[in-house]
Amino acid sequence: MGFELCGKVGLVRSLVVSPPLRGRGLGKMLVTFAESKARLEGAEELFLPTISARFFFEQMGYEGIQRCLAPEALQNTAEFSALKALH
């Protein structure tokens, strides 16, 4: 669904818009939908590991932090660990 819930913390993931479709607001709609769904399921905070889409998510109100500062529950997820191993 675009996020993984770990208690009250959500890990946003798997959101992508194909290059030919970018610039039409689809990315913002996907993020807004994932945020709404995460809140409905109990998330109080959302984190997003990204490098390639950092500017886009900063425009959506996300702030950059070091991965080591993410909550431990997120650092223990397979998704977070796999991304961390790439860097």
PDB file of N, CA and C in Angstrom:
ATOM      1  N   MET A   1       0.820  -1.193   0.000  1.00  0.00           N
ATOM      2  CA  MET A   1       0.000   0.000   0.000  1.00  0.00           C
ATOM      3  C   MET A   1       0.861   1.252   0.000  1.00  0.00           C
ATOM      4  N   GLY A   2       2.165   1.113  -0.158  1.00  0.00           N
ATOM      5  CA  GLY A   2       3.034   2.284  -0.188  1.00  0.00           C
ATOM      6  C   GLY A   2       3.649   2.645   1.147  1.00  0.00           C
ATOM      7  N   PHE A   3       3.348   1.858   2.193  1.00  0.00           N
ATOM      8  CA  PHE A   3       3.982   2.089   3.484  1.00  0.00           C
ATOM      9  C   PHE A   3       3.955   0.796   4.290  1.00  0.00           C
ATOM     10  N   GLU A   4       4.844   0.734   5.268  1.00  0.00           N
ATOM     11  CA  GLU A   4       4.890  -0.395   6.193  1.00  0.00           C
ATOM     12  C   GLU A   4       4.752   0.185   7.592  1.00  0.00           C
ATOM     13  N   LEU A   5       3.840  -0.340   8.375  1.00  0.00           N
ATOM     14  CA  LEU A   5       3.575   0.175   9.709  1.00  0.00           C
ATOM     15  C   LEU A   5       4.350  -0.625  10.744  1.00  0.00           C
ATOM     16  N   CYS A   6       5.054   0.090  11.612  1.00  0.00           N
ATOM     17  CA  CYS A   6       5.817  -0.511  12.713  1.00  0.00           C
ATOM     18  C   CYS A   6       5.387   0.192  13.992  1.00  0.00           C
ATOM     19  N   GLY A   7       4.326  -0.311  14.587  1.00  0.00           N
ATOM     20  CA  GLY A   7       3.765   0.364  15.753  1.00  0.00           C
ATOM     21  C   GLY A   7       3.111   1.662  15.326  1.00  0.00           C
ATOM     22  N   LYS A   8       3.548   2.761  15.879  1.00  0.00           N
ATOM     23  CA  LYS A   8       2.998   4.083  15.552  1.00  0.00           C
ATOM     24  C   LYS A   8       3.832   4.808  14.493  1.00  0.00           C
ATOM     25  N   VAL A   9       4.819   4.110  13.934  1.00  0.00           N
ATOM     26  CA  VAL A   9       5.723   4.704  12.950  1.00  0.00           C
ATOM     27  C   VAL A   9       5.552   3.986  11.619  1.00  0.00           C
ATOM     28  N   GLY A  10       5.479   4.756  10.540  1.00  0.00           N
ATOM     29  CA  GLY A  10       5.324   4.175   9.214  1.00  0.00           C
ATOM     30  C   GLY A  10       6.557   4.403   8.350  1.00  0.00           C
ATOM     31  N   LEU A  11       6.839   3.436   7.509  1.00  0.00           N
ATOM     32  CA  LEU A  11       7.932   3.521   6.544  1.00  0.00           C
ATOM     33  C   LEU A  11       7.304   3.646   5.159  1.00  0.00           C
ATOM     34  N   VAL A  12       7.410   4.822   4.555  1.00  0.00           N
ATOM     35  CA  VAL A  12       6.870   5.042   3.212  1.00  0.00           C
ATOM     36  C   VAL A  12       7.800   4.361   2.224  1.00  0.00           C
ATOM     37  N   ARG A  13       7.207   3.637   1.277  1.00  0.00           N
ATOM     38  CA  ARG A  13       8.032   2.923   0.297  1.00  0.00           C
ATOM     39  C   ARG A  13       7.220   2.582  -0.944  1.00  0.00           C
ATOM     40  N   SER A  14       7.924   2.177  -1.952  1.00  0.00           N
ATOM     41  CA  SER A  14       7.302   1.660  -3.169  1.00  0.00           C
ATOM     42  C   SER A  14       6.367   2.648  -3.850  1.00  0.00           C
ATOM     43  N   LEU A  15       6.711   3.913  -3.829  1.00  0.00           N
ATOM     44  CA  LEU A  15       5.938   4.913  -4.566  1.00  0.00           C
ATOM     45  C   LEU A  15       6.787   5.383  -5.743  1.00  0.00           C
ATOM     46  N   VAL A  16       6.264   5.193  -6.947  1.00  0.00           N
ATOM     47  CA  VAL A  16       7.014   5.610  -8.131  1.00  0.00           C
ATOM     48  C   VAL A  16       6.045   5.993  -9.234  1.00  0.00           C
ATOM     49  N   VAL A  17       6.430   6.995  -9.983  1.00  0.00           N
ATOM     50  CA  VAL A  17       5.668   7.409 -11.157  1.00  0.00           C
ATOM     51  C   VAL A  17       6.592   7.255 -12.362  1.00  0.00           C
ATOM     52  N   SER A  18       6.119   6.589 -13.367  1.00  0.00           N
ATOM     53  CA  SER A  18       6.888   6.372 -14.592  1.00  0.00           C
ATOM     54  C   SER A  18       7.314   7.713 -15.192  1.00  0.00           C
ATOM     55  N   PRO A  19       8.551   7.831 -15.651  1.00  0.00           N
ATOM     56  CA  PRO A  19       9.035   9.109 -16.187  1.00  0.00           C
ATOM     57  C   PRO A  19       8.109   9.800 -17.190  1.00  0.00           C
ATOM     58  N   PRO A  20       7.484   9.091 -18.136  1.00  0.00           N
ATOM     59  CA  PRO A  20       6.610   9.795 -19.073  1.00  0.00           C
ATOM     60  C   PRO A  20       5.364  10.418 -18.420  1.00  0.00           C
ATOM     61  N   LEU A  21       5.019   9.949 -17.220  1.00  0.00           N
ATOM     62  CA  LEU A  21       3.816  10.445 -16.549  1.00  0.00           C
ATOM     63  C   LEU A  21       4.108  11.480 -15.465  1.00  0.00           C
ATOM     64  N   ARG A  22       5.370  11.783 -15.261  1.00  0.00           N
ATOM     65  CA  ARG A  22       5.737  12.738 -14.219  1.00  0.00           C
ATOM     66  C   ARG A  22       5.321  14.151 -14.586  1.00  0.00           C
ATOM     67  N   GLY A  23       5.160  14.991 -13.571  1.00  0.00           N
ATOM     68  CA  GLY A  23       4.779  16.384 -13.790  1.00  0.00           C
ATOM     69  C   GLY A  23       3.281  16.600 -13.889  1.00  0.00           C
ATOM     70  N   ARG A  24       2.514  15.582 -13.564  1.00  0.00           N
ATOM     71  CA  ARG A  24       1.045  15.674 -13.659  1.00  0.00           C
ATOM     72  C   ARG A  24       0.361  15.630 -12.293  1.00  0.00           C
ATOM     73  N   GLY A  25       1.163  15.610 -11.235  1.00  0.00           N
ATOM     74  CA  GLY A  25       0.594  15.573  -9.894  1.00  0.00           C
ATOM     75  C   GLY A  25       0.310  14.175  -9.370  1.00  0.00           C
ATOM     76  N   LEU A  26       0.675  13.141 -10.142  1.00  0.00           N
ATOM     77  CA  LEU A  26       0.399  11.766  -9.715  1.00  0.00           C
ATOM     78  C   LEU A  26       1.204  11.387  -8.472  1.00  0.00           C
ATOM     79  N   GLY A  27       2.453  11.837  -8.413  1.00  0.00           N
ATOM     80  CA  GLY A  27       3.295  11.537  -7.256  1.00  0.00           C
ATOM     81  C   GLY A  27       2.713  12.118  -5.980  1.00  0.00           C
ATOM     82  N   LYS A  28       2.265  13.359  -6.053  1.00  0.00           N
ATOM     83  CA  LYS A  28       1.664  13.996  -4.880  1.00  0.00           C
ATOM     84  C   LYS A  28       0.397  13.261  -4.456  1.00  0.00           C
ATOM     85  N   MET A  29      -0.381  12.811  -5.435  1.00  0.00           N
ATOM     86  CA  MET A  29      -1.597  12.060  -5.112  1.00  0.00           C
ATOM     87  C   MET A  29      -1.244  10.739  -4.435  1.00  0.00           C
ATOM     88  N   LEU A  30      -0.218  10.038  -4.919  1.00  0.00           N
ATOM     89  CA  LEU A  30       0.203   8.783  -4.303  1.00  0.00           C
ATOM     90  C   LEU A  30       0.657   8.990  -2.866  1.00  0.00           C
ATOM     91  N   VAL A  31       1.464  10.031  -2.648  1.00  0.00           N
ATOM     92  CA  VAL A  31       1.967  10.320  -1.302  1.00  0.00           C
ATOM     93  C   VAL A  31       0.815  10.674  -0.368  1.00  0.00           C
ATOM     94  N   THR A  32      -0.078  11.523  -0.819  1.00  0.00           N
ATOM     95  CA  THR A  32      -1.223  11.926   0.004  1.00  0.00           C
ATOM     96  C   THR A  32      -2.078  10.720   0.362  1.00  0.00           C
ATOM     97  N   PHE A  33      -2.298   9.828  -0.594  1.00  0.00           N
ATOM     98  CA  PHE A  33      -3.079   8.620  -0.332  1.00  0.00           C
ATOM     99  C   PHE A  33      -2.377   7.727   0.692  1.00  0.00           C
ATOM    100  N   ALA A  34      -1.070   7.515   0.510  1.00  0.00           N
ATOM    101  CA  ALA A  34      -0.309   6.671   1.442  1.00  0.00           C
ATOM    102  C   ALA A  34      -0.305   7.282   2.842  1.00  0.00           C
ATOM    103  N   GLU A  35      -0.152   8.595   2.931  1.00  0.00           N
ATOM    104  CA  GLU A  35      -0.178   9.275   4.227  1.00  0.00           C
ATOM    105  C   GLU A  35      -1.534   9.107   4.908  1.00  0.00           C
ATOM    106  N   SER A  36      -2.601   9.285   4.163  1.00  0.00           N
ATOM    107  CA  SER A  36      -3.952   9.139   4.715  1.00  0.00           C
ATOM    108  C   SER A  36      -4.193   7.718   5.198  1.00  0.00           C
ATOM    109  N   LYS A  37      -3.811   6.758   4.395  1.00  0.00           N
ATOM    110  CA  LYS A  37      -3.984   5.342   4.758  1.00  0.00           C
ATOM    111  C   LYS A  37      -3.156   5.016   6.001  1.00  0.00           C
ATOM    112  N   ALA A  38      -1.935   5.519   6.062  1.00  0.00           N
ATOM    113  CA  ALA A  38      -1.075   5.265   7.219  1.00  0.00           C
ATOM    114  C   ALA A  38      -1.685   5.856   8.490  1.00  0.00           C
ATOM    115  N   ARG A  39      -2.223   7.069   8.397  1.00  0.00           N
ATOM    116  CA  ARG A  39      -2.868   7.691   9.562  1.00  0.00           C
ATOM    117  C   ARG A  39      -4.076   6.876  10.017  1.00  0.00           C
ATOM    118  N   LEU A  40      -4.868   6.411   9.059  1.00  0.00           N
ATOM    119  CA  LEU A  40      -6.039   5.591   9.402  1.00  0.00           C
ATOM    120  C   LEU A  40      -5.645   4.301  10.110  1.00  0.00           C
ATOM    121  N   GLU A  41      -4.462   3.801   9.792  1.00  0.00           N
ATOM    122  CA  GLU A  41      -3.994   2.552  10.401  1.00  0.00           C
ATOM    123  C   GLU A  41      -3.184   2.799  11.674  1.00  0.00           C
ATOM    124  N   GLY A  42      -3.068   4.070  12.104  1.00  0.00           N
ATOM    125  CA  GLY A  42      -2.448   4.365  13.390  1.00  0.00           C
ATOM    126  C   GLY A  42      -1.077   4.996  13.362  1.00  0.00           C
ATOM    127  N   ALA A  43      -0.543   5.286  12.192  1.00  0.00           N
ATOM    128  CA  ALA A  43       0.784   5.911  12.132  1.00  0.00           C
ATOM    129  C   ALA A  43       0.717   7.351  12.633  1.00  0.00           C
ATOM    130  N   GLU A  44       1.640   7.687  13.497  1.00  0.00           N
ATOM    131  CA  GLU A  44       1.741   9.052  14.002  1.00  0.00           C
ATOM    132  C   GLU A  44       2.913   9.785  13.375  1.00  0.00           C
ATOM    133  N   GLU A  45       3.816   9.007  12.786  1.00  0.00           N
ATOM    134  CA  GLU A  45       5.022   9.563  12.183  1.00  0.00           C
ATOM    135  C   GLU A  45       5.373   8.725  10.963  1.00  0.00           C
ATOM    136  N   LEU A  46       5.858   9.356   9.896  1.00  0.00           N
ATOM    137  CA  LEU A  46       6.255   8.634   8.688  1.00  0.00           C
ATOM    138  C   LEU A  46       7.710   8.942   8.359  1.00  0.00           C
ATOM    139  N   PHE A  47       8.418   7.914   7.915  1.00  0.00           N
ATOM    140  CA  PHE A  47       9.798   8.057   7.487  1.00  0.00           C
ATOM    141  C   PHE A  47       9.905   7.519   6.071  1.00  0.00           C
ATOM    142  N   LEU A  48      10.900   8.003   5.353  1.00  0.00           N
ATOM    143  CA  LEU A  48      11.052   7.661   3.951  1.00  0.00           C
ATOM    144  C   LEU A  48      12.529   7.593   3.588  1.00  0.00           C
ATOM    145  N   PRO A  49      13.071   6.387   3.371  1.00  0.00           N
ATOM    146  CA  PRO A  49      14.467   6.297   2.947  1.00  0.00           C
ATOM    147  C   PRO A  49      14.565   6.528   1.436  1.00  0.00           C
ATOM    148  N   THR A  50      15.177   7.639   1.040  1.00  0.00           N
ATOM    149  CA  THR A  50      15.352   7.916  -0.384  1.00  0.00           C
ATOM    150  C   THR A  50      16.569   8.800  -0.604  1.00  0.00           C
ATOM    151  N   ILE A  51      17.125   8.676  -1.763  1.00  0.00           N
ATOM    152  CA  ILE A  51      18.168   9.593  -2.206  1.00  0.00           C
ATOM    153  C   ILE A  51      17.708  10.216  -3.512  1.00  0.00           C
ATOM    154  N   SER A  52      17.205   9.390  -4.415  1.00  0.00           N
ATOM    155  CA  SER A  52      16.841   9.861  -5.748  1.00  0.00           C
ATOM    156  C   SER A  52      15.640  10.800  -5.759  1.00  0.00           C
ATOM    157  N   ALA A  53      14.752  10.698  -4.780  1.00  0.00           N
ATOM    158  CA  ALA A  53      13.543  11.532  -4.772  1.00  0.00           C
ATOM    159  C   ALA A  53      13.519  12.508  -3.591  1.00  0.00           C
ATOM    160  N   ARG A  54      14.684  12.777  -3.048  1.00  0.00           N
ATOM    161  CA  ARG A  54      14.761  13.630  -1.860  1.00  0.00           C
ATOM    162  C   ARG A  54      14.109  14.995  -2.082  1.00  0.00           C
ATOM    163  N   PHE A  55      14.433  15.651  -3.189  1.00  0.00           N
ATOM    164  CA  PHE A  55      13.896  16.983  -3.454  1.00  0.00           C
ATOM    165  C   PHE A  55      12.368  16.949  -3.534  1.00  0.00           C
ATOM    166  N   PHE A  56      11.829  15.954  -4.217  1.00  0.00           N
ATOM    167  CA  PHE A  56      10.373  15.822  -4.336  1.00  0.00           C
ATOM    168  C   PHE A  56       9.729  15.728  -2.957  1.00  0.00           C
ATOM    169  N   PHE A  57      10.278  14.867  -2.093  1.00  0.00           N
ATOM    170  CA  PHE A  57       9.667  14.672  -0.781  1.00  0.00           C
ATOM    171  C   PHE A  57       9.892  15.859   0.148  1.00  0.00           C
ATOM    172  N   GLU A  58      10.978  16.568  -0.032  1.00  0.00           N
ATOM    173  CA  GLU A  58      11.163  17.795   0.743  1.00  0.00           C
ATOM    174  C   GLU A  58      10.091  18.813   0.374  1.00  0.00           C
ATOM    175  N   GLN A  59       9.711  18.859  -0.885  1.00  0.00           N
ATOM    176  CA  GLN A  59       8.630  19.746  -1.314  1.00  0.00           C
ATOM    177  C   GLN A  59       7.286  19.317  -0.708  1.00  0.00           C
ATOM    178  N   MET A  60       7.175  18.047  -0.342  1.00  0.00           N
ATOM    179  CA  MET A  60       5.955  17.519   0.271  1.00  0.00           C
ATOM    180  C   MET A  60       5.974  17.688   1.794  1.00  0.00           C
ATOM    181  N   GLY A  61       7.034  18.310   2.331  1.00  0.00           N
ATOM    182  CA  GLY A  61       7.098  18.581   3.761  1.00  0.00           C
ATOM    183  C   GLY A  61       7.963  17.628   4.571  1.00  0.00           C
ATOM    184  N   TYR A  62       8.603  16.673   3.914  1.00  0.00           N
ATOM    185  CA  TYR A  62       9.489  15.748   4.612  1.00  0.00           C
ATOM    186  C   TYR A  62      10.828  16.428   4.854  1.00  0.00           C
ATOM    187  N   GLU A  63      11.497  16.036   5.940  1.00  0.00           N
ATOM    188  CA  GLU A  63      12.805  16.586   6.283  1.00  0.00           C
ATOM    189  C   GLU A  63      13.842  15.482   6.231  1.00  0.00           C
ATOM    190  N   GLY A  64      15.017  15.807   5.751  1.00  0.00           N
ATOM    191  CA  GLY A  64      16.096  14.832   5.692  1.00  0.00           C
ATOM    192  C   GLY A  64      16.715  14.599   7.063  1.00  0.00           C
ATOM    193  N   ILE A  65      16.971  13.336   7.378  1.00  0.00           N
ATOM    194  CA  ILE A  65      17.701  12.969   8.588  1.00  0.00           C
ATOM    195  C   ILE A  65      18.667  11.855   8.227  1.00  0.00           C
ATOM    196  N   GLN A  66      19.629  11.618   9.068  1.00  0.00           N
ATOM    197  CA  GLN A  66      20.537  10.497   8.867  1.00  0.00           C
ATOM    198  C   GLN A  66      19.773   9.208   9.159  1.00  0.00           C
ATOM    199  N   ARG A  67      20.049   8.181   8.377  1.00  0.00           N
ATOM    200  CA  ARG A  67      19.341   6.909   8.559  1.00  0.00           C
ATOM    201  C   ARG A  67      19.512   6.345   9.961  1.00  0.00           C
ATOM    202  N   CYS A  68      20.659   6.567  10.556  1.00  0.00           N
ATOM    203  CA  CYS A  68      20.904   6.032  11.901  1.00  0.00           C
ATOM    204  C   CYS A  68      20.002   6.683  12.948  1.00  0.00           C
ATOM    205  N   LEU A  69      19.349   7.796  12.612  1.00  0.00           N
ATOM    206  CA  LEU A  69      18.448   8.474  13.541  1.00  0.00           C
ATOM    207  C   LEU A  69      16.998   8.005  13.415  1.00  0.00           C
ATOM    208  N   ALA A  70      16.737   7.160  12.438  1.00  0.00           N
ATOM    209  CA  ALA A  70      15.383   6.617  12.274  1.00  0.00           C
ATOM    210  C   ALA A  70      15.068   5.702  13.457  1.00  0.00           C
ATOM    211  N   PRO A  71      13.805   5.586  13.817  1.00  0.00           N
ATOM    212  CA  PRO A  71      13.430   4.705  14.931  1.00  0.00           C
ATOM    213  C   PRO A  71      13.930   3.273  14.710  1.00  0.00           C
ATOM    214  N   GLU A  72      14.323   2.632  15.795  1.00  0.00           N
ATOM    215  CA  GLU A  72      14.870   1.278  15.728  1.00  0.00           C
ATOM    216  C   GLU A  72      13.907   0.296  15.066  1.00  0.00           C
ATOM    217  N   ALA A  73      12.610   0.470  15.317  1.00  0.00           N
ATOM    218  CA  ALA A  73      11.615  -0.425  14.711  1.00  0.00           C
ATOM    219  C   ALA A  73      11.715  -0.401  13.191  1.00  0.00           C
ATOM    220  N   LEU A  74      11.988   0.764  12.606  1.00  0.00           N
ATOM    221  CA  LEU A  74      12.133   0.870  11.148  1.00  0.00           C
ATOM    222  C   LEU A  74      13.464   0.296  10.686  1.00  0.00           C
ATOM    223  N   GLN A  75      14.505   0.543  11.454  1.00  0.00           N
ATOM    224  CA  GLN A  75      15.828   0.042  11.070  1.00  0.00           C
ATOM    225  C   GLN A  75      15.858  -1.483  11.023  1.00  0.00           C
ATOM    226  N   ASN A  76      14.940  -2.126  11.739  1.00  0.00           N
ATOM    227  CA  ASN A  76      14.891  -3.587  11.767  1.00  0.00           C
ATOM    228  C   ASN A  76      14.045  -4.199  10.651  1.00  0.00           C
ATOM    229  N   THR A  77      13.393  -3.368   9.837  1.00  0.00           N
ATOM    230  CA  THR A  77      12.578  -3.916   8.744  1.00  0.00           C
ATOM    231  C   THR A  77      13.469  -4.376   7.595  1.00  0.00           C
ATOM    232  N   ALA A  78      12.994  -5.346   6.835  1.00  0.00           N
ATOM    233  CA  ALA A  78      13.755  -5.848   5.685  1.00  0.00           C
ATOM    234  C   ALA A  78      13.960  -4.747   4.657  1.00  0.00           C
ATOM    235  N   GLU A  79      12.937  -3.931   4.419  1.00  0.00           N
ATOM    236  CA  GLU A  79      13.024  -2.847   3.433  1.00  0.00           C
ATOM    237  C   GLU A  79      14.117  -1.856   3.810  1.00  0.00           C
ATOM    238  N   PHE A  80      14.132  -1.414   5.044  1.00  0.00           N
ATOM    239  CA  PHE A  80      15.109  -0.435   5.505  1.00  0.00           C
ATOM    240  C   PHE A  80      16.515  -1.029   5.459  1.00  0.00           C
ATOM    241  N   SER A  81      16.656  -2.269   5.908  1.00  0.00           N
ATOM    242  CA  SER A  81      17.964  -2.921   5.916  1.00  0.00           C
ATOM    243  C   SER A  81      18.521  -3.097   4.503  1.00  0.00           C
ATOM    244  N   ALA A  82      17.665  -3.453   3.570  1.00  0.00           N
ATOM    245  CA  ALA A  82      18.108  -3.641   2.188  1.00  0.00           C
ATOM    246  C   ALA A  82      18.573  -2.315   1.597  1.00  0.00           C
ATOM    247  N   LEU A  83      17.839  -1.242   1.851  1.00  0.00           N
ATOM    248  CA  LEU A  83      18.227   0.072   1.335  1.00  0.00           C
ATOM    249  C   LEU A  83      19.509   0.555   1.999  1.00  0.00           C
ATOM    250  N   LYS A  84      19.639   0.305   3.284  1.00  0.00           N
ATOM    251  CA  LYS A  84      20.807   0.743   4.022  1.00  0.00           C
ATOM    252  C   LYS A  84      22.051   0.032   3.483  1.00  0.00           C
ATOM    253  N   ALA A  85      21.905  -1.237   3.101  1.00  0.00           N
ATOM    254  CA  ALA A  85      23.034  -2.019   2.620  1.00  0.00           C
ATOM    255  C   ALA A  85      23.546  -1.497   1.279  1.00  0.00           C
ATOM    256  N   LEU A  86      22.717  -0.792   0.540  1.00  0.00           N
ATOM    257  CA  LEU A  86      23.131  -0.287  -0.766  1.00  0.00           C
ATOM    258  C   LEU A  86      24.028   0.942  -0.664  1.00  0.00           C
ATOM    259  N   HIS A  87      24.083   1.575   0.486  1.00  0.00           N
ATOM    260  CA  HIS A  87      24.812   2.841   0.601  1.00  0.00           C
ATOM    261  C   HIS A  87      26.057   2.704   1.428  1.00  0.00           C
TER     262      HIS A  87
END
